[in-house]
Amino acid sequence: MSRGLSASRFTKSLVAGLQILELHMKFTAFERTLQGTGASRRLRNAQKVPGIVFGAGKPAMIELDHNALFFALKKEAFHSSILEMDLAGKSEQVLLRDYQMHPFRPIVLHVDFQRIDATTRIVKKVPLHFVNEENSPAVKTDAQIVNHVATELRISCLASQLPEFLTIDLGELTKGQTLHVNDIKLPAGVKVMTQGKPNPVIVSVVAQAAEEEVVAPVVTAAPAEKTKAKKTEKQNKK
């Protein structure tokens, strides 16, 4: 990643359906002293993005390179991983909390980060990655359709336990089966926040809709009209 943002992979492990992938993305931020609408407009004209870092101390006003941030926001890991921010020569661990885009132009207007450490407990949405769906008996044998009812889950855990994504193995799905949140084994310390729903559905298997037989209309030829033979102008003379 160019101009102030980079990524490096350290560890990868699979634990009971939950893939923990520590992907540290590093970026450089700069202190921002000027505030207000006019100052933010000047920053954007200079291809910079105003932002703020809050939590664990005094909030810090920052600015970042726009293009580097714009392309980082396209990466899933940037939204659900611990990030290393270099600010004024000091490295801090942060999480992306919010960002604002222009209504119709590809421009990042503002970004918010939260400082975290190993003892910080967070609540954050993580995406779901579904694997082996095409190899399941439901799809391969019974030609069923697998509906991904949920594509992300809201979890609560320590910042050090934050997974980049949850891997859901669908290789054993069978006809008519439904997969719920309680079917996922999570490691100690990680909890799914169901927001009042006791055991929400993640995946359901349904039969394909029966294809209606299309019958082509039979077109019959219209009966030919009887035509009277025209009398010849020349008649036989007796």
Protein backbone atom coordinates (compact mmCIF):
# COMPACT_ATOMS: atom_id res chain seq x y z
CA MET A 1 0.00 0.00 0.00
CA SER A 2 1.49 3.27 -1.05
CA ARG A 3 1.91 6.66 0.54
CA GLY A 4 1.67 6.04 4.24
CA LEU A 5 -0.31 2.78 4.44
CA SER A 6 1.15 -0.71 4.49
CA ALA A 7 0.13 -4.22 5.60
CA SER A 8 2.00 -7.24 6.95
CA ARG A 9 0.63 -10.66 7.96
CA PHE A 10 1.86 -12.27 11.17
CA THR A 11 -0.21 -15.26 12.30
CA LYS A 12 -3.07 -17.34 11.00
CA SER A 13 -4.97 -20.06 12.83
CA LEU A 14 -8.29 -21.89 12.57
CA VAL A 15 -10.14 -22.41 15.85
CA ALA A 16 -13.50 -24.21 15.79
CA GLY A 17 -15.02 -22.36 12.88
CA LEU A 18 -13.50 -19.00 13.76
CA GLN A 19 -10.55 -17.83 11.72
CA ILE A 20 -8.32 -15.46 13.65
CA LEU A 21 -6.12 -13.57 11.27
CA GLU A 22 -3.93 -10.90 12.77
CA LEU A 23 -3.39 -8.50 9.93
CA HIS A 24 -1.63 -5.35 11.06
CA MET A 25 -2.03 -2.50 8.66
CA LYS A 26 0.24 0.44 9.33
CA PHE A 27 -0.46 4.01 8.36
CA THR A 28 0.99 7.41 9.07
CA ALA A 29 -1.13 10.27 10.37
CA PHE A 30 -0.11 13.89 10.95
CA GLU A 31 -1.15 16.28 13.68
CA ARG A 32 -3.79 18.79 12.66
CA THR A 33 -3.81 22.16 14.39
CA LEU A 34 -6.41 24.07 12.38
CA GLN A 35 -10.09 23.25 12.79
CA GLY A 36 -13.34 24.41 11.25
CA THR A 37 -15.08 24.18 7.90
CA GLY A 38 -12.60 26.41 6.09
CA ALA A 39 -9.58 24.49 7.37
CA SER A 40 -11.16 21.15 6.42
CA ARG A 41 -11.92 22.46 2.93
CA ARG A 42 -8.30 23.53 2.47
CA LEU A 43 -7.12 20.10 3.61
CA ARG A 44 -9.35 18.35 1.09
CA ASN A 45 -8.16 20.65 -1.68
CA ALA A 46 -4.63 19.52 -0.76
CA GLN A 47 -5.65 15.83 -1.07
CA LYS A 48 -5.76 15.37 2.72
CA VAL A 49 -8.50 13.96 4.96
CA PRO A 50 -9.28 15.45 8.39
CA GLY A 51 -9.84 12.98 11.20
CA ILE A 52 -9.90 12.39 14.93
CA VAL A 53 -8.49 9.76 17.30
CA PHE A 54 -10.39 9.28 20.57
CA GLY A 55 -10.32 6.94 23.55
CA ALA A 56 -7.61 6.18 26.15
CA GLY A 57 -6.55 9.76 26.64
CA LYS A 58 -6.98 13.13 25.02
CA PRO A 59 -8.59 13.21 21.55
CA ALA A 60 -6.11 14.02 18.79
CA MET A 61 -6.93 15.91 15.61
CA ILE A 62 -5.20 14.29 12.64
CA GLU A 63 -4.94 14.42 8.86
CA LEU A 64 -4.16 11.62 6.39
CA ASP A 65 -3.26 11.27 2.73
CA HIS A 66 -6.54 10.98 0.84
CA ASN A 67 -5.58 8.50 -1.89
CA ALA A 68 -3.90 6.08 0.52
CA LEU A 69 -6.93 6.16 2.83
CA PHE A 70 -9.40 5.84 -0.04
CA PHE A 71 -7.83 2.61 -1.30
CA ALA A 72 -7.33 1.26 2.24
CA LEU A 73 -11.07 1.62 2.84
CA LYS A 74 -11.67 -0.80 -0.03
CA LYS A 75 -9.91 -3.55 1.94
CA GLU A 76 -12.07 -5.60 4.27
CA ALA A 77 -9.27 -5.96 6.82
CA PHE A 78 -9.02 -2.19 7.26
CA HIS A 79 -12.54 -2.18 8.72
CA SER A 80 -12.21 -5.14 11.09
CA SER A 81 -8.56 -5.32 12.16
CA ILE A 82 -6.29 -3.64 14.64
CA LEU A 83 -4.39 -0.86 12.86
CA GLU A 84 -1.02 0.59 13.78
CA MET A 85 -1.00 4.37 13.52
CA ASP A 86 2.24 6.34 13.49
CA LEU A 87 1.52 9.82 14.83
CA ALA A 88 4.27 12.29 15.68
CA GLY A 89 6.83 9.50 15.90
CA LYS A 90 4.70 7.44 18.29
CA SER A 91 3.00 4.16 17.31
CA GLU A 92 -0.51 3.53 18.61
CA GLN A 93 -3.01 0.73 18.03
CA VAL A 94 -6.35 1.95 16.75
CA LEU A 95 -9.58 0.72 15.20
CA LEU A 96 -11.51 2.37 12.39
CA ARG A 97 -14.78 3.53 13.93
CA ASP A 98 -16.42 5.70 11.30
CA TYR A 99 -15.82 7.55 8.06
CA GLN A 100 -17.80 9.94 5.91
CA MET A 101 -17.93 9.90 2.12
CA HIS A 102 -19.05 12.59 -0.30
CA PRO A 103 -22.69 11.96 -1.38
CA PHE A 104 -21.79 11.24 -5.01
CA ARG A 105 -18.07 11.81 -5.56
CA PRO A 106 -15.33 9.28 -4.60
CA ILE A 107 -13.98 11.51 -1.84
CA VAL A 108 -13.43 10.69 1.85
CA LEU A 109 -14.56 13.68 3.90
CA HIS A 110 -13.70 12.60 7.46
CA VAL A 111 -12.45 9.59 9.43
CA ASP A 112 -12.63 8.51 13.10
CA PHE A 113 -10.30 6.10 14.92
CA GLN A 114 -10.39 4.68 18.46
CA ARG A 115 -7.25 3.96 20.49
CA ILE A 116 -7.16 0.47 21.95
CA ASP A 117 -4.85 -1.76 23.98
CA ALA A 118 -4.85 -5.40 25.10
CA THR A 119 -7.35 -4.67 27.91
CA THR A 120 -9.83 -2.73 25.77
CA ARG A 121 -13.11 -4.59 25.29
CA ILE A 122 -14.82 -3.69 22.04
CA VAL A 123 -18.03 -4.39 20.17
CA LYS A 124 -17.57 -4.56 16.41
CA LYS A 125 -19.11 -6.12 13.33
CA VAL A 126 -17.03 -8.74 11.53
CA PRO A 127 -17.79 -10.18 8.08
CA LEU A 128 -18.69 -13.81 7.43
CA HIS A 129 -16.79 -15.86 4.85
CA PHE A 130 -18.65 -18.93 3.60
CA VAL A 131 -16.62 -21.87 2.25
CA ASN A 132 -17.33 -25.31 0.71
CA GLU A 133 -20.92 -24.45 -0.16
CA GLU A 134 -20.60 -26.00 -3.64
CA ASN A 135 -19.32 -29.29 -2.13
CA SER A 136 -22.16 -29.74 0.36
CA PRO A 137 -24.71 -32.55 -0.11
CA ALA A 138 -27.45 -29.92 -0.22
CA VAL A 139 -25.98 -28.31 -3.35
CA LYS A 140 -24.01 -31.13 -4.97
CA THR A 141 -26.53 -33.96 -4.50
CA ASP A 142 -29.93 -32.36 -3.96
CA ALA A 143 -29.49 -29.19 -6.08
CA GLN A 144 -30.73 -26.97 -3.25
CA ILE A 145 -30.19 -23.23 -2.87
CA VAL A 146 -28.17 -21.90 0.09
CA ASN A 147 -29.38 -18.54 1.41
CA HIS A 148 -26.85 -16.41 3.30
CA VAL A 149 -29.27 -14.80 5.71
CA ALA A 150 -26.47 -12.93 7.52
CA THR A 151 -23.25 -11.65 5.98
CA GLU A 152 -21.73 -10.24 9.18
CA LEU A 153 -22.03 -10.65 12.94
CA ARG A 154 -21.65 -8.17 15.77
CA ILE A 155 -19.25 -9.54 18.37
CA SER A 156 -17.87 -8.48 21.73
CA CYS A 157 -14.30 -9.34 22.71
CA LEU A 158 -10.99 -7.95 23.85
CA ALA A 159 -9.22 -5.95 21.16
CA SER A 160 -6.42 -8.52 21.12
CA GLN A 161 -8.97 -11.24 20.22
CA LEU A 162 -10.62 -9.38 17.35
CA PRO A 163 -10.89 -11.66 14.29
CA GLU A 164 -10.63 -10.21 10.81
CA PHE A 165 -13.55 -12.40 9.74
CA LEU A 166 -15.49 -15.52 10.73
CA THR A 167 -15.19 -18.56 8.47
CA ILE A 168 -18.37 -20.63 8.14
CA ASP A 169 -17.79 -24.09 6.65
CA LEU A 170 -20.90 -25.17 4.71
CA GLY A 171 -19.44 -28.46 3.47
CA GLU A 172 -21.82 -30.57 5.62
CA LEU A 173 -25.06 -28.75 4.80
CA THR A 174 -27.94 -31.06 3.92
CA LYS A 175 -31.36 -30.63 2.37
CA GLY A 176 -33.67 -28.47 4.51
CA GLN A 177 -30.97 -27.63 7.10
CA THR A 178 -30.73 -24.29 8.88
CA LEU A 179 -27.54 -22.96 10.48
CA HIS A 180 -27.90 -20.72 13.56
CA VAL A 181 -25.52 -18.56 15.58
CA ASN A 182 -25.36 -21.20 18.32
CA ASP A 183 -23.96 -23.67 15.78
CA ILE A 184 -20.72 -21.67 15.62
CA LYS A 185 -18.12 -22.54 18.23
CA LEU A 186 -16.38 -19.43 19.44
CA PRO A 187 -13.20 -19.33 21.53
CA ALA A 188 -13.31 -18.12 25.12
CA GLY A 189 -13.80 -14.39 25.43
CA VAL A 190 -15.59 -13.89 22.10
CA LYS A 191 -19.36 -13.43 22.22
CA VAL A 192 -21.87 -12.82 19.45
CA MET A 193 -24.22 -9.91 20.17
CA THR A 194 -27.61 -11.04 18.90
CA GLN A 195 -29.39 -7.77 19.75
CA GLY A 196 -32.40 -9.36 21.41
CA LYS A 197 -32.73 -12.33 19.06
CA PRO A 198 -31.98 -15.55 20.98
CA ASN A 199 -30.49 -17.61 18.14
CA PRO A 200 -30.64 -15.90 14.75
CA VAL A 201 -30.40 -17.83 11.49
CA ILE A 202 -27.17 -17.47 9.52
CA VAL A 203 -27.77 -19.86 6.62
CA SER A 204 -30.85 -21.68 5.34
CA VAL A 205 -31.22 -24.35 2.67
CA VAL A 206 -34.27 -24.21 0.42
CA ALA A 207 -35.43 -26.06 -2.65
CA GLN A 208 -35.15 -24.42 -6.03
CA ALA A 209 -38.38 -22.98 -7.35
CA ALA A 210 -40.06 -25.35 -9.80
CA GLU A 211 -39.59 -24.16 -13.32
CA GLU A 212 -42.89 -23.58 -15.07
CA GLU A 213 -43.25 -25.44 -18.32
CA VAL A 214 -43.59 -23.00 -21.14
CA VAL A 215 -45.98 -24.25 -23.82
CA ALA A 216 -45.59 -22.63 -27.19
CA PRO A 217 -48.93 -21.49 -28.65
CA VAL A 218 -50.13 -23.50 -31.62
CA VAL A 219 -50.66 -21.31 -34.63
CA THR A 220 -53.12 -22.66 -37.19
CA ALA A 221 -53.24 -21.39 -40.73
CA ALA A 222 -56.34 -19.42 -41.66
CA PRO A 223 -58.54 -21.14 -44.26
CA ALA A 224 -57.94 -19.87 -47.74
CA GLU A 225 -60.74 -17.71 -49.08
CA LYS A 226 -62.57 -19.09 -52.07
CA THR A 227 -62.01 -16.95 -55.08
CA LYS A 228 -64.36 -16.87 -57.96
CA ALA A 229 -62.81 -17.44 -61.28
CA LYS A 230 -62.90 -14.35 -63.36
CA LYS A 231 -64.70 -14.55 -66.59
CA THR A 232 -62.49 -14.08 -69.53
CA GLU A 233 -63.20 -11.03 -71.60
CA LYS A 234 -62.99 -13.17 -74.70
CA GLN A 235 -65.87 -15.66 -74.87
CA ASN A 236 -66.22 -18.50 -77.29
CA LYS A 237 -68.31 -17.57 -80.24
CA LYS A 238 -70.84 -19.96 -81.39
